[in-house]
Each structure stands twice: as structure tokens, then as C-alpha cells.
Amino acid sequence: MEGLAASSAIKMSIQTLPSTTIKQIRSAQVLTDPGSVVKELIDNTLDARATAIFVEISANTLDAIQVRDNGHGIFPGDRAMLGRRHCTSKLREFD
């Protein structure tokens, strides 16, 4: 449990971005194809300090995209914010 407490000190919680920030980055942050989704998921594993990453993609790239890793994971308090628009732990403002 001490490891979790130590890693939580470096992990920002998931929050909704301010509307001004959303307007500034909106056009640059759209995931438009399966490749950009996979890239974003791999970026997330690296942010979580993963040392092993496993990617599974269905033949048509639509039925399944799964990325597993051994990173520090998502903290239970952040799970309700997963998949919500304009929510991130990576930044708070455009600058």
C-alpha cells in the first residue's frame, strides 16, 4: 500500500478542462482513426511508467482495440471520469 501512496503523489487526478482550454485545443486532440486511438493508449501506458505493453487489435480494427500494461493504473477515485469528454489528468490549461 505504501507504493500506491507514493505513486499517487505524482499522479494528477482526472478533471474536466476549463472551457477556454477546450476551445484552444479542440481541433488538435480529435482521435479520428484507430491508429490515433492506439497511439493515445500507448502514450497513456508510458505516462503510467509501464515497462511492458501489450497491444491487441482485431483484424478490422473496429471490433476490439486493447492495450494492457504494468503501469501504476487508474486510481479508484478517477474511474468515474474515464471516457468523459474533455476530461484528462495530463494537463490543466493550454499553456
N, C-alpha and C. Protein backbone atom coordinates (compact mmCIF):
# COMPACT_ATOMS: atom_id res chain seq x y z
N MET A 1 0.81 -1.20 0.00
CA MET A 1 0.00 0.00 0.00
C MET A 1 0.86 1.27 0.00
N GLU A 2 2.05 1.19 0.57
CA GLU A 2 2.91 2.36 0.57
C GLU A 2 3.29 2.77 -0.84
N GLY A 3 3.51 1.80 -1.73
CA GLY A 3 3.85 2.11 -3.12
C GLY A 3 2.74 2.88 -3.81
N LEU A 4 1.49 2.50 -3.51
CA LEU A 4 0.35 3.20 -4.10
C LEU A 4 0.31 4.64 -3.60
N ALA A 5 0.54 4.83 -2.32
CA ALA A 5 0.51 6.18 -1.78
C ALA A 5 1.62 7.04 -2.38
N ALA A 6 2.79 6.44 -2.54
CA ALA A 6 3.91 7.18 -3.13
C ALA A 6 3.63 7.54 -4.57
N SER A 7 3.05 6.62 -5.35
CA SER A 7 2.80 6.92 -6.76
C SER A 7 1.65 7.89 -6.92
N SER A 8 0.71 7.93 -5.97
CA SER A 8 -0.41 8.86 -6.10
C SER A 8 0.05 10.30 -5.94
N ALA A 9 1.18 10.51 -5.27
CA ALA A 9 1.69 11.86 -5.10
C ALA A 9 2.14 12.45 -6.43
N ILE A 10 2.52 11.60 -7.39
CA ILE A 10 2.99 12.10 -8.67
C ILE A 10 1.89 12.08 -9.73
N LYS A 11 0.77 11.46 -9.45
CA LYS A 11 -0.32 11.29 -10.41
C LYS A 11 -1.35 12.38 -10.21
N MET A 12 -1.64 13.11 -11.28
CA MET A 12 -2.71 14.10 -11.22
C MET A 12 -4.03 13.38 -11.38
N SER A 13 -5.05 13.82 -10.68
CA SER A 13 -6.35 13.18 -10.84
C SER A 13 -7.03 13.68 -12.12
N ILE A 14 -7.96 12.89 -12.61
CA ILE A 14 -8.69 13.24 -13.83
C ILE A 14 -9.69 14.34 -13.50
N GLN A 15 -9.64 15.41 -14.29
CA GLN A 15 -10.53 16.55 -14.11
C GLN A 15 -11.02 17.05 -15.46
N THR A 16 -12.16 17.73 -15.45
CA THR A 16 -12.67 18.35 -16.67
C THR A 16 -11.88 19.62 -16.94
N LEU A 17 -11.47 19.80 -18.19
CA LEU A 17 -10.72 21.00 -18.56
C LEU A 17 -11.62 22.23 -18.53
N PRO A 18 -11.05 23.41 -18.25
CA PRO A 18 -11.83 24.65 -18.35
C PRO A 18 -12.29 24.87 -19.79
N SER A 19 -13.41 25.53 -19.98
CA SER A 19 -13.97 25.72 -21.32
C SER A 19 -13.02 26.48 -22.24
N THR A 20 -12.25 27.44 -21.71
CA THR A 20 -11.30 28.17 -22.56
C THR A 20 -10.21 27.23 -23.09
N THR A 21 -9.76 26.31 -22.27
CA THR A 21 -8.74 25.35 -22.71
C THR A 21 -9.32 24.41 -23.75
N ILE A 22 -10.55 23.97 -23.54
CA ILE A 22 -11.21 23.08 -24.50
C ILE A 22 -11.27 23.74 -25.87
N LYS A 23 -11.64 25.01 -25.91
CA LYS A 23 -11.73 25.73 -27.18
C LYS A 23 -10.37 25.87 -27.85
N GLN A 24 -9.31 26.04 -27.08
CA GLN A 24 -7.97 26.21 -27.65
C GLN A 24 -7.40 24.93 -28.23
N ILE A 25 -7.70 23.78 -27.63
CA ILE A 25 -7.08 22.54 -28.11
C ILE A 25 -8.03 21.64 -28.89
N ARG A 26 -9.26 22.02 -29.01
CA ARG A 26 -10.29 21.16 -29.61
C ARG A 26 -9.85 20.53 -30.93
N SER A 27 -9.38 21.29 -31.87
CA SER A 27 -9.08 20.75 -33.20
C SER A 27 -7.85 19.85 -33.20
N ALA A 28 -6.95 20.01 -32.25
CA ALA A 28 -5.72 19.23 -32.25
C ALA A 28 -5.84 17.90 -31.52
N GLN A 29 -6.91 17.66 -30.79
CA GLN A 29 -6.98 16.49 -29.92
C GLN A 29 -8.04 15.47 -30.33
N VAL A 30 -8.47 15.49 -31.56
CA VAL A 30 -9.51 14.57 -32.01
C VAL A 30 -8.88 13.25 -32.44
N LEU A 31 -9.42 12.15 -31.93
CA LEU A 31 -8.97 10.82 -32.34
C LEU A 31 -9.83 10.39 -33.51
N THR A 32 -9.28 10.46 -34.71
CA THR A 32 -10.09 10.28 -35.91
C THR A 32 -10.00 8.89 -36.54
N ASP A 33 -9.05 8.08 -36.10
CA ASP A 33 -8.87 6.76 -36.72
C ASP A 33 -8.30 5.79 -35.68
N PRO A 34 -8.38 4.49 -35.95
CA PRO A 34 -7.87 3.50 -34.99
C PRO A 34 -6.40 3.71 -34.63
N GLY A 35 -5.58 4.15 -35.57
CA GLY A 35 -4.17 4.38 -35.28
C GLY A 35 -3.96 5.46 -34.23
N SER A 36 -4.74 6.54 -34.31
CA SER A 36 -4.60 7.61 -33.32
C SER A 36 -5.10 7.15 -31.95
N VAL A 37 -6.10 6.25 -31.92
CA VAL A 37 -6.58 5.70 -30.65
C VAL A 37 -5.47 4.86 -30.01
N VAL A 38 -4.84 3.99 -30.80
CA VAL A 38 -3.77 3.15 -30.28
C VAL A 38 -2.60 4.00 -29.79
N LYS A 39 -2.23 5.03 -30.54
CA LYS A 39 -1.14 5.91 -30.13
C LYS A 39 -1.47 6.57 -28.79
N GLU A 40 -2.68 7.06 -28.63
CA GLU A 40 -3.09 7.70 -27.37
C GLU A 40 -3.03 6.71 -26.21
N LEU A 41 -3.51 5.49 -26.43
CA LEU A 41 -3.48 4.48 -25.38
C LEU A 41 -2.05 4.11 -24.99
N ILE A 42 -1.17 4.02 -25.98
CA ILE A 42 0.24 3.74 -25.67
C ILE A 42 0.88 4.91 -24.94
N ASP A 43 0.56 6.13 -25.34
CA ASP A 43 1.03 7.31 -24.60
C ASP A 43 0.61 7.23 -23.13
N ASN A 44 -0.63 6.79 -22.90
CA ASN A 44 -1.12 6.65 -21.53
C ASN A 44 -0.31 5.62 -20.74
N THR A 45 0.06 4.51 -21.38
CA THR A 45 0.85 3.50 -20.67
C THR A 45 2.22 4.05 -20.30
N LEU A 46 2.80 4.84 -21.19
CA LEU A 46 4.11 5.43 -20.90
C LEU A 46 4.00 6.46 -19.77
N ASP A 47 2.91 7.23 -19.77
CA ASP A 47 2.67 8.18 -18.67
C ASP A 47 2.55 7.45 -17.34
N ALA A 48 2.05 6.21 -17.37
CA ALA A 48 1.88 5.41 -16.16
C ALA A 48 3.16 4.63 -15.82
N ARG A 49 4.23 4.96 -16.51
CA ARG A 49 5.54 4.35 -16.28
C ARG A 49 5.56 2.85 -16.50
N ALA A 50 4.83 2.39 -17.49
CA ALA A 50 4.80 0.97 -17.83
C ALA A 50 6.15 0.55 -18.41
N THR A 51 6.54 -0.67 -18.08
CA THR A 51 7.75 -1.25 -18.66
C THR A 51 7.43 -2.41 -19.59
N ALA A 52 6.15 -2.81 -19.62
CA ALA A 52 5.69 -3.85 -20.53
C ALA A 52 4.33 -3.43 -21.08
N ILE A 53 4.19 -3.45 -22.41
CA ILE A 53 2.95 -3.01 -23.06
C ILE A 53 2.52 -4.08 -24.05
N PHE A 54 1.25 -4.46 -23.99
CA PHE A 54 0.69 -5.47 -24.88
C PHE A 54 -0.48 -4.86 -25.63
N VAL A 55 -0.45 -4.94 -26.96
CA VAL A 55 -1.50 -4.35 -27.80
C VAL A 55 -2.17 -5.46 -28.59
N GLU A 56 -3.50 -5.49 -28.55
CA GLU A 56 -4.28 -6.43 -29.35
C GLU A 56 -5.28 -5.63 -30.17
N ILE A 57 -5.30 -5.89 -31.49
CA ILE A 57 -6.21 -5.18 -32.39
C ILE A 57 -6.88 -6.21 -33.27
N SER A 58 -8.21 -6.12 -33.39
CA SER A 58 -8.93 -7.05 -34.26
C SER A 58 -8.56 -6.77 -35.72
N ALA A 59 -8.78 -7.75 -36.57
CA ALA A 59 -8.39 -7.64 -37.98
C ALA A 59 -9.01 -6.42 -38.66
N ASN A 60 -10.23 -6.07 -38.29
CA ASN A 60 -10.88 -4.93 -38.94
C ASN A 60 -10.66 -3.62 -38.18
N THR A 61 -9.92 -3.65 -37.11
CA THR A 61 -9.60 -2.51 -36.23
C THR A 61 -10.83 -1.83 -35.62
N LEU A 62 -11.99 -2.44 -35.75
CA LEU A 62 -13.21 -1.84 -35.20
C LEU A 62 -13.79 -2.63 -34.03
N ASP A 63 -13.67 -3.94 -34.08
CA ASP A 63 -14.29 -4.76 -33.04
C ASP A 63 -13.57 -4.67 -31.70
N ALA A 64 -12.26 -4.59 -31.74
CA ALA A 64 -11.52 -4.57 -30.48
C ALA A 64 -10.17 -3.89 -30.63
N ILE A 65 -9.89 -3.01 -29.70
CA ILE A 65 -8.55 -2.45 -29.52
C ILE A 65 -8.31 -2.54 -28.02
N GLN A 66 -7.29 -3.30 -27.65
CA GLN A 66 -7.00 -3.49 -26.24
C GLN A 66 -5.53 -3.24 -25.99
N VAL A 67 -5.23 -2.42 -25.00
CA VAL A 67 -3.86 -2.15 -24.60
C VAL A 67 -3.75 -2.46 -23.11
N ARG A 68 -2.83 -3.35 -22.77
CA ARG A 68 -2.59 -3.71 -21.37
C ARG A 68 -1.15 -3.37 -21.02
N ASP A 69 -0.91 -3.02 -19.77
CA ASP A 69 0.44 -2.67 -19.35
C ASP A 69 0.61 -2.96 -17.87
N ASN A 70 1.82 -2.73 -17.39
CA ASN A 70 2.10 -2.92 -15.97
C ASN A 70 2.36 -1.58 -15.28
N GLY A 71 1.78 -0.52 -15.79
CA GLY A 71 1.92 0.81 -15.19
C GLY A 71 1.15 0.92 -13.89
N HIS A 72 1.19 2.10 -13.28
CA HIS A 72 0.59 2.27 -11.96
C HIS A 72 -0.93 2.22 -11.96
N GLY A 73 -1.57 2.26 -13.10
CA GLY A 73 -3.02 2.08 -13.16
C GLY A 73 -3.81 3.34 -12.88
N ILE A 74 -5.10 3.18 -12.94
CA ILE A 74 -6.03 4.29 -12.71
C ILE A 74 -6.52 4.19 -11.27
N PHE A 75 -6.43 5.27 -10.57
CA PHE A 75 -6.83 5.28 -9.17
C PHE A 75 -8.35 5.19 -9.07
N PRO A 76 -8.85 4.44 -8.09
CA PRO A 76 -10.30 4.23 -7.96
C PRO A 76 -11.12 5.52 -7.97
N GLY A 77 -10.62 6.57 -7.38
CA GLY A 77 -11.35 7.84 -7.35
C GLY A 77 -11.50 8.50 -8.71
N ASP A 78 -10.68 8.08 -9.69
CA ASP A 78 -10.71 8.66 -11.04
C ASP A 78 -11.59 7.87 -12.00
N ARG A 79 -12.01 6.68 -11.64
CA ARG A 79 -12.71 5.81 -12.58
C ARG A 79 -14.02 6.40 -13.11
N ALA A 80 -14.71 7.17 -12.32
CA ALA A 80 -15.98 7.77 -12.78
C ALA A 80 -15.76 8.77 -13.91
N MET A 81 -14.56 9.30 -14.04
CA MET A 81 -14.26 10.31 -15.08
C MET A 81 -13.76 9.69 -16.38
N LEU A 82 -13.50 8.40 -16.40
CA LEU A 82 -12.97 7.75 -17.60
C LEU A 82 -13.93 7.87 -18.77
N GLY A 83 -13.39 8.19 -19.92
CA GLY A 83 -14.18 8.24 -21.14
C GLY A 83 -15.06 9.46 -21.29
N ARG A 84 -15.04 10.35 -20.34
CA ARG A 84 -15.84 11.57 -20.46
C ARG A 84 -15.12 12.59 -21.32
N ARG A 85 -15.91 13.31 -22.10
CA ARG A 85 -15.34 14.35 -22.97
C ARG A 85 -14.66 15.43 -22.14
N HIS A 86 -13.52 15.87 -22.66
CA HIS A 86 -12.78 17.00 -22.10
C HIS A 86 -12.24 16.73 -20.69
N CYS A 87 -12.08 15.47 -20.34
CA CYS A 87 -11.53 15.11 -19.03
C CYS A 87 -10.15 14.48 -19.22
N THR A 88 -9.20 14.91 -18.41
CA THR A 88 -7.83 14.42 -18.54
C THR A 88 -7.08 14.59 -17.23
N SER A 89 -6.02 13.83 -17.08
CA SER A 89 -5.09 14.04 -15.97
C SER A 89 -3.78 14.62 -16.50
N LYS A 90 -3.69 14.82 -17.79
CA LYS A 90 -2.43 15.22 -18.42
C LYS A 90 -2.17 16.72 -18.41
N LEU A 91 -3.19 17.53 -18.42
CA LEU A 91 -2.99 18.97 -18.44
C LEU A 91 -4.16 19.66 -17.78
N ARG A 92 -3.94 20.92 -17.44
CA ARG A 92 -4.99 21.72 -16.81
C ARG A 92 -5.35 22.94 -17.63
N GLU A 93 -4.40 23.43 -18.42
CA GLU A 93 -4.65 24.61 -19.25
C GLU A 93 -3.81 24.52 -20.51
N PHE A 94 -4.12 25.34 -21.49
CA PHE A 94 -3.48 25.28 -22.80
C PHE A 94 -1.97 25.48 -22.74
N ASP A 95 -1.52 26.43 -21.94
CA ASP A 95 -0.08 26.74 -21.85
C ASP A 95 0.69 25.56 -21.33
